[in-house]
C-alpha atoms as a PDB file:
ATOM      1  CA  MET A   1      70.683 108.373  48.580  1.00  0.00           C
ATOM      2  CA  SER A   2      71.725 109.177  52.120  1.00  0.00           C
ATOM      3  CA  GLU A   3      75.298 108.706  53.207  1.00  0.00           C
ATOM      4  CA  GLN A   4      76.093 107.894  56.795  1.00  0.00           C
ATOM      5  CA  ILE A   5      79.268 109.280  58.197  1.00  0.00           C
ATOM      6  CA  ALA A   6      80.800 107.338  61.054  1.00  0.00           C
ATOM      7  CA  ALA A   7      81.773 109.399  64.077  1.00  0.00           C
ATOM      8  CA  ARG A   8      85.510 109.610  64.524  1.00  0.00           C
ATOM      9  CA  ARG A   9      86.569 107.906  67.744  1.00  0.00           C
ATOM     10  CA  GLY A  10      89.217 109.399  69.968  1.00  0.00           C
ATOM     11  CA  MET A  11      90.256 113.005  70.360  1.00  0.00           C
ATOM     12  CA  ALA A  12      92.719 115.610  69.256  1.00  0.00           C
ATOM     13  CA  LEU A  13      96.067 115.563  71.064  1.00  0.00           C
ATOM     14  CA  GLU A  14      95.574 119.130  72.318  1.00  0.00           C
ATOM     15  CA  GLU A  15      92.176 118.268  73.803  1.00  0.00           C
ATOM     16  CA  TYR A  16      93.605 115.097  75.310  1.00  0.00           C
ATOM     17  CA  LEU A  17      96.378 117.032  77.053  1.00  0.00           C
ATOM     18  CA  GLU A  18      93.997 119.712  78.343  1.00  0.00           C
ATOM     19  CA  ARG A  19      91.408 117.267  79.652  1.00  0.00           C
ATOM     20  CA  SER A  20      93.911 114.887  81.210  1.00  0.00           C
ATOM     21  CA  ALA A  21      95.447 117.798  83.150  1.00  0.00           C
ATOM     22  CA  GLU A  22      92.021 118.334  84.761  1.00  0.00           C
ATOM     23  CA  ARG A  23      91.216 114.681  85.503  1.00  0.00           C
ATOM     24  CA  PRO A  24      93.413 111.727  84.504  1.00  0.00           C
ATOM     25  CA  PHE A  25      91.916 109.298  82.047  1.00  0.00           C
ATOM     26  CA  GLU A  26      92.866 106.762  79.410  1.00  0.00           C
ATOM     27  CA  LEU A  27      91.532 106.301  75.898  1.00  0.00           C
ATOM     28  CA  LEU A  28      90.480 102.753  75.010  1.00  0.00           C
ATOM     29  CA  ASP A  29      89.410 102.382  71.400  1.00  0.00           C
ATOM     30  CA  GLY A  30      88.570 106.103  71.393  1.00  0.00           C
ATOM     31  CA  GLU A  31      86.448 105.945  74.561  1.00  0.00           C
ATOM     32  CA  VAL A  32      87.348 107.985  77.651  1.00  0.00           C
ATOM     33  CA  CYS A  33      87.923 105.811  80.728  1.00  0.00           C
ATOM     34  CA  LEU A  34      88.352 107.898  83.874  1.00  0.00           C
ATOM     35  CA  MET A  35      91.061 106.808  86.259  1.00  0.00           C
ATOM     36  CA  SER A  36      90.234 106.123  89.907  1.00  0.00           C
ATOM     37  CA  PRO A  37      91.968 108.187  92.568  1.00  0.00           C
ATOM     38  CA  SER A  38      94.766 106.227  94.261  1.00  0.00           C
ATOM     39  CA  MET A  39      94.007 105.064  97.782  1.00  0.00           C
ATOM     40  CA  LEU A  40      96.819 104.242 100.203  1.00  0.00           C
ATOM     41  CA  LEU A  41      96.665 100.434  99.713  1.00  0.00           C
ATOM     42  CA  HIS A  42      96.902 100.955  95.945  1.00  0.00           C
ATOM     43  CA  SER A  43      99.943 103.226  96.400  1.00  0.00           C
ATOM     44  CA  ILE A  44     101.679 100.854  98.825  1.00  0.00           C
ATOM     45  CA  VAL A  45     101.390  97.960  96.357  1.00  0.00           C
ATOM     46  CA  ILE A  46     102.645 100.091  93.450  1.00  0.00           C
ATOM     47  CA  ARG A  47     105.598 101.336  95.500  1.00  0.00           C
ATOM     48  CA  ARG A  48     106.613  97.800  96.517  1.00  0.00           C
ATOM     49  CA  LEU A  49     106.361  96.535  92.946  1.00  0.00           C
ATOM     50  CA  LEU A  50     108.277  99.533  91.632  1.00  0.00           C
ATOM     51  CA  PHE A  51     111.161  98.976  94.044  1.00  0.00           C
ATOM     52  CA  ALA A  52     111.304  95.224  93.367  1.00  0.00           C
ATOM     53  CA  LEU A  53     111.212  95.682  89.570  1.00  0.00           C
ATOM     54  CA  SER A  54     113.761  98.486  89.650  1.00  0.00           C
ATOM     55  CA  ALA A  55     116.159  96.350  91.687  1.00  0.00           C
ATOM     56  CA  ALA A  56     115.979  93.593  89.067  1.00  0.00           C
ATOM     57  CA  ALA A  57     115.961  95.805  85.958  1.00  0.00           C
ATOM     58  CA  GLY A  58     119.709  96.292  85.574  1.00  0.00           C
ATOM     59  CA  ASP A  59     120.842  98.271  82.541  1.00  0.00           C
ATOM     60  CA  SER A  60     118.485  96.543  80.107  1.00  0.00           C
ATOM     61  CA  TRP A  61     115.187  97.911  81.391  1.00  0.00           C
ATOM     62  CA  GLU A  62     113.586 101.175  82.562  1.00  0.00           C
ATOM     63  CA  VAL A  63     110.781 101.016  85.125  1.00  0.00           C
ATOM     64  CA  PHE A  64     108.199 103.789  85.458  1.00  0.00           C
ATOM     65  CA  SER A  65     105.062 104.463  87.420  1.00  0.00           C
ATOM     66  CA  GLU A  66     101.982 106.018  85.783  1.00  0.00           C
ATOM     67  CA  THR A  67     103.714 107.046  82.542  1.00  0.00           C
ATOM     68  CA  THR A  68     101.386 107.638  79.620  1.00  0.00           C
ATOM     69  CA  PHE A  69     102.178 105.725  76.436  1.00  0.00           C
ATOM     70  CA  ILE A  70     100.588 105.388  73.023  1.00  0.00           C
ATOM     71  CA  ALA A  71     101.131 103.062  70.086  1.00  0.00           C
ATOM     72  CA  PRO A  72     104.115 104.112  67.952  1.00  0.00           C
ATOM     73  CA  ASP A  73     101.840 104.476  64.919  1.00  0.00           C
ATOM     74  CA  GLN A  74     100.170 107.442  66.705  1.00  0.00           C
ATOM     75  CA  ALA A  75     103.508 109.200  67.315  1.00  0.00           C
ATOM     76  CA  ALA A  76     103.209 111.727  64.495  1.00  0.00           C
ATOM     77  CA  SER A  77      99.447 112.064  64.670  1.00  0.00           C
ATOM     78  CA  ASN A  78      97.523 114.845  66.342  1.00  0.00           C
ATOM     79  CA  TRP A  79      94.624 112.416  66.834  1.00  0.00           C
ATOM     80  CA  LEU A  80      94.661 109.749  69.560  1.00  0.00           C
ATOM     81  CA  THR A  81      92.465 106.681  69.749  1.00  0.00           C
ATOM     82  CA  ASP A  82      94.323 104.917  72.540  1.00  0.00           C
ATOM     83  CA  SER A  83      96.397 106.151  75.470  1.00  0.00           C
ATOM     84  CA  PHE A  84      97.428 104.077  78.423  1.00  0.00           C
ATOM     85  CA  VAL A  85      98.626 104.971  81.928  1.00  0.00           C
ATOM     86  CA  PRO A  86      99.498 101.680  83.587  1.00  0.00           C
ATOM     87  CA  ASP A  87     100.448 101.768  87.226  1.00  0.00           C
ATOM     88  CA  LEU A  88     103.848 100.350  86.262  1.00  0.00           C
ATOM     89  CA  ALA A  89     105.536  99.916  82.910  1.00  0.00           C
ATOM     90  CA  VAL A  90     108.877  98.318  82.039  1.00  0.00           C
ATOM     91  CA  PHE A  91     110.472  99.607  78.838  1.00  0.00           C
ATOM     92  CA  ASP A  92     113.446  98.319  76.857  1.00  0.00           C
ATOM     93  CA  SER A  93     116.315 100.601  77.870  1.00  0.00           C
ATOM     94  CA  ALA A  94     117.802 101.017  74.380  1.00  0.00           C
ATOM     95  CA  ALA A  95     114.422 101.951  72.847  1.00  0.00           C
ATOM     96  CA  PHE A  96     113.738 104.268  75.784  1.00  0.00           C
ATOM     97  CA  LYS A  97     117.079 106.060  75.378  1.00  0.00           C
ATOM     98  CA  ALA A  98     116.511 106.449  71.633  1.00  0.00           C
ATOM     99  CA  LEU A  99     113.103 108.008  72.324  1.00  0.00           C
ATOM    100  CA  CYS A 100     114.632 110.386  74.875  1.00  0.00           C
ATOM    101  CA  ALA A 101     116.927 111.800  72.202  1.00  0.00           C
ATOM    102  CA  ASP A 102     113.923 113.867  71.086  1.00  0.00           C
ATOM    103  CA  ARG A 103     113.463 116.052  74.158  1.00  0.00           C
ATOM    104  CA  THR A 104     110.600 118.035  72.608  1.00  0.00           C
ATOM    105  CA  LEU A 105     108.627 114.876  71.870  1.00  0.00           C
ATOM    106  CA  ILE A 106     108.986 113.444  75.363  1.00  0.00           C
ATOM    107  CA  ALA A 107     108.061 116.795  76.945  1.00  0.00           C
ATOM    108  CA  THR A 108     104.933 117.432  74.888  1.00  0.00           C
ATOM    109  CA  ARG A 109     103.376 114.073  73.938  1.00  0.00           C
ATOM    110  CA  PRO A 110     102.628 110.691  75.454  1.00  0.00           C
ATOM    111  CA  ALA A 111     105.500 108.267  74.913  1.00  0.00           C
ATOM    112  CA  PRO A 112     105.125 106.386  71.591  1.00  0.00           C
ATOM    113  CA  LEU A 113     106.744 103.280  73.023  1.00  0.00           C
ATOM    114  CA  ILE A 114     105.260  99.914  73.934  1.00  0.00           C
ATOM    115  CA  PRO A 115     106.415  98.513  77.301  1.00  0.00           C
ATOM    116  CA  ALA A 116     107.512  94.909  77.612  1.00  0.00           C
ATOM    117  CA  LEU A 117     105.659  94.572  80.909  1.00  0.00           C
ATOM    118  CA  VAL A 118     102.748  96.434  82.457  1.00  0.00           C
ATOM    119  CA  ALA A 119     101.239  96.107  85.927  1.00  0.00           C
ATOM    120  CA  GLU A 120      97.779  97.375  86.734  1.00  0.00           C
ATOM    121  CA  VAL A 121      96.861  97.530  90.413  1.00  0.00           C
ATOM    122  CA  LEU A 122      93.117  97.318  90.773  1.00  0.00           C
ATOM    123  CA  SER A 123      91.077  99.782  92.786  1.00  0.00           C
ATOM    124  CA  PRO A 124      87.734  98.776  94.293  1.00  0.00           C
ATOM    125  CA  HIS A 125      85.865 100.839  91.692  1.00  0.00           C
ATOM    126  CA  ASP A 126      87.664  99.549  88.571  1.00  0.00           C
ATOM    127  CA  ARG A 127      85.222  98.060  86.078  1.00  0.00           C
ATOM    128  CA  HIS A 128      86.087  94.517  85.058  1.00  0.00           C
ATOM    129  CA  SER A 129      85.072  95.291  81.485  1.00  0.00           C
ATOM    130  CA  ASP A 130      87.647  98.115  81.314  1.00  0.00           C
ATOM    131  CA  VAL A 131      90.354  95.848  82.761  1.00  0.00           C
ATOM    132  CA  ALA A 132      89.549  93.135  80.211  1.00  0.00           C
ATOM    133  CA  ARG A 133      89.651  95.666  77.370  1.00  0.00           C
ATOM    134  CA  LYS A 134      93.015  96.952  78.579  1.00  0.00           C
ATOM    135  CA  VAL A 135      94.457  93.450  78.743  1.00  0.00           C
ATOM    136  CA  SER A 136      93.220  92.829  75.202  1.00  0.00           C
ATOM    137  CA  ARG A 137      94.655  96.139  73.902  1.00  0.00           C
ATOM    138  CA  TYR A 138      97.998  95.597  75.684  1.00  0.00           C
ATOM    139  CA  SER A 139      98.273  92.143  74.111  1.00  0.00           C
ATOM    140  CA  ALA A 140      97.375  93.454  70.663  1.00  0.00           C
ATOM    141  CA  LEU A 141     100.039  96.162  70.970  1.00  0.00           C
ATOM    142  CA  GLY A 142     102.724  93.612  71.807  1.00  0.00           C
ATOM    143  CA  VAL A 143     103.123  93.918  75.588  1.00  0.00           C
ATOM    144  CA  ARG A 144     104.821  90.657  76.533  1.00  0.00           C
ATOM    145  CA  LEU A 145     103.798  90.376  80.179  1.00  0.00           C
ATOM    146  CA  ILE A 146     100.708  91.856  81.902  1.00  0.00           C
ATOM    147  CA  TRP A 147     100.103  91.704  85.641  1.00  0.00           C
ATOM    148  CA  ILE A 148      96.663  92.530  87.017  1.00  0.00           C
ATOM    149  CA  VAL A 149      97.224  93.003  90.726  1.00  0.00           C
ATOM    150  CA  ASP A 150      94.241  92.794  93.057  1.00  0.00           C
ATOM    151  CA  PRO A 151      95.206  93.831  96.592  1.00  0.00           C
ATOM    152  CA  GLN A 152      91.628  93.300  97.834  1.00  0.00           C
ATOM    153  CA  VAL A 153      91.986  89.525  97.424  1.00  0.00           C
ATOM    154  CA  SER A 154      95.822  89.292  97.432  1.00  0.00           C
ATOM    155  CA  GLN A 155      96.052  87.922  93.879  1.00  0.00           C
ATOM    156  CA  VAL A 156      97.977  88.648  90.720  1.00  0.00           C
ATOM    157  CA  THR A 157      96.639  87.482  87.377  1.00  0.00           C
ATOM    158  CA  VAL A 158      99.465  87.007  84.862  1.00  0.00           C
ATOM    159  CA  TYR A 159      98.930  87.236  81.112  1.00  0.00           C
ATOM    160  CA  GLN A 160     101.806  86.245  78.819  1.00  0.00           C
ATOM    161  CA  ARG A 161     101.916  87.145  75.175  1.00  0.00           C
ATOM    162  CA  GLY A 162     101.333  84.081  73.044  1.00  0.00           C
ATOM    163  CA  SER A 163      99.437  82.219  75.763  1.00  0.00           C
ATOM    164  CA  ASN A 164      95.685  81.843  75.750  1.00  0.00           C
ATOM    165  CA  GLN A 165      95.532  81.179  79.478  1.00  0.00           C
ATOM    166  CA  ALA A 166      96.018  83.503  82.406  1.00  0.00           C
ATOM    167  CA  THR A 167      97.740  82.317  85.563  1.00  0.00           C
ATOM    168  CA  VAL A 168      96.296  83.387  88.903  1.00  0.00           C
ATOM    169  CA  LEU A 169      98.774  83.637  91.758  1.00  0.00           C
ATOM    170  CA  GLY A 170      97.903  83.934  95.439  1.00  0.00           C
ATOM    171  CA  ALA A 171      99.682  85.272  98.486  1.00  0.00           C
ATOM    172  CA  ALA A 172     101.672  82.026  98.949  1.00  0.00           C
ATOM    173  CA  ASP A 173     103.052  82.183  95.379  1.00  0.00           C
ATOM    174  CA  VAL A 174     106.121  83.830  93.905  1.00  0.00           C
ATOM    175  CA  LEU A 175     105.747  86.395  91.119  1.00  0.00           C
ATOM    176  CA  THR A 176     108.449  86.145  88.434  1.00  0.00           C
ATOM    177  CA  ALA A 177     109.254  87.718  85.090  1.00  0.00           C
ATOM    178  CA  ASP A 178     111.668  85.053  83.886  1.00  0.00           C
ATOM    179  CA  ASP A 179     111.811  85.931  80.190  1.00  0.00           C
ATOM    180  CA  LEU A 180     112.335  89.634  80.859  1.00  0.00           C
ATOM    181  CA  LEU A 181     113.906  89.953  84.289  1.00  0.00           C
ATOM    182  CA  PRO A 182     115.490  86.651  85.329  1.00  0.00           C
ATOM    183  CA  ASP A 183     116.543  88.106  88.710  1.00  0.00           C
ATOM    184  CA  PHE A 184     113.033  89.255  89.622  1.00  0.00           C
ATOM    185  CA  ARG A 185     111.322  87.124  92.278  1.00  0.00           C
ATOM    186  CA  LEU A 186     108.741  88.546  94.663  1.00  0.00           C
ATOM    187  CA  LEU A 187     106.899  86.522  97.267  1.00  0.00           C
ATOM    188  CA  LEU A 188     103.364  87.858  96.990  1.00  0.00           C
ATOM    189  CA  ALA A 189     102.894  87.655 100.761  1.00  0.00           C
ATOM    190  CA  GLU A 190     105.553  90.392 100.959  1.00  0.00           C
ATOM    191  CA  LEU A 191     103.687  92.457  98.393  1.00  0.00           C
ATOM    192  CA  PHE A 192     100.312  92.245 100.129  1.00  0.00           C
ATOM    193  CA  THR A 193     101.181  92.120 103.853  1.00  0.00           C
ATOM    194  CA  LEU A 194     100.766  95.488 105.579  1.00  0.00           C
END
């Protein structure tokens, strides 16, 4: 009787850290997804979103750009199956401060903390299948609000936890985060106009 052994998906933390230092990537369900280099348009949009979110965050939220996070259930593991590096992430300030109490952990491992909001700014070479998988994984992990920002067509697709429908906003629309950041309002024309 032959026994088949399933290949273990993902990689050891040490290998992950070494390889990501050479070329940034994310792990989605154990599969390596290389990250595209940031072009200037991509960086401009991220910078504008970062400033707008930071201005509205107050003391309740922490806003970061390109910060790697993992699911909390992988915090003590030396094996990773998922790691995410969203262009922007908004974390609960109290949970963030509690995590920062362990200086060694935050210096040596991806943050085991789920953001409340993530924003992914698309690059021309991003694969739609990877974006869809990330949206699905973010939702499954409990991210409450997901923005997929496409500067090529001046649109933001908004996914809210608990909703089965995405909302597509154009340059004439206003982007909000009412449940999380009631003071955040950004006219998308301001985000996309160069």
